[in-house]
Amino acid sequence: MNENKRNLNIEELDKVAGGQITPEEAFERALKHANKKKGSVRLKKNELDFDDGIYKYEIEFVENGVEYEFDIDAESGRILKYDKDLWD
């Protein structure tokens, strides 16, 4: 396990420098990238994390047996990782 990785709570959001996007904005970017609507998916995870020297949102949601996973840069909103798999 990466020793630099740790989960952040909502109170720590204020400590992130720069143009921090909100968890909702990160979720909306993931939905737009996957071409999905908020009401059609079930959100499983939307957490701010510090890993590899950057703050990022880890987002997971499911629709019709398909799981979507995203890592989104918390400062720029750029999608760092995207994956789509069948959900068990």
Foldseek 3Di string as FASTA:
>chain_A
DDPQKDFDDPVCQVVDDAQFDDLVLLVVLQCVVVVHDPVQKAWDAWTWMQDPNFIWTWTWIDHPQKIWIWTAGRHPRHTPDIDIDGHD
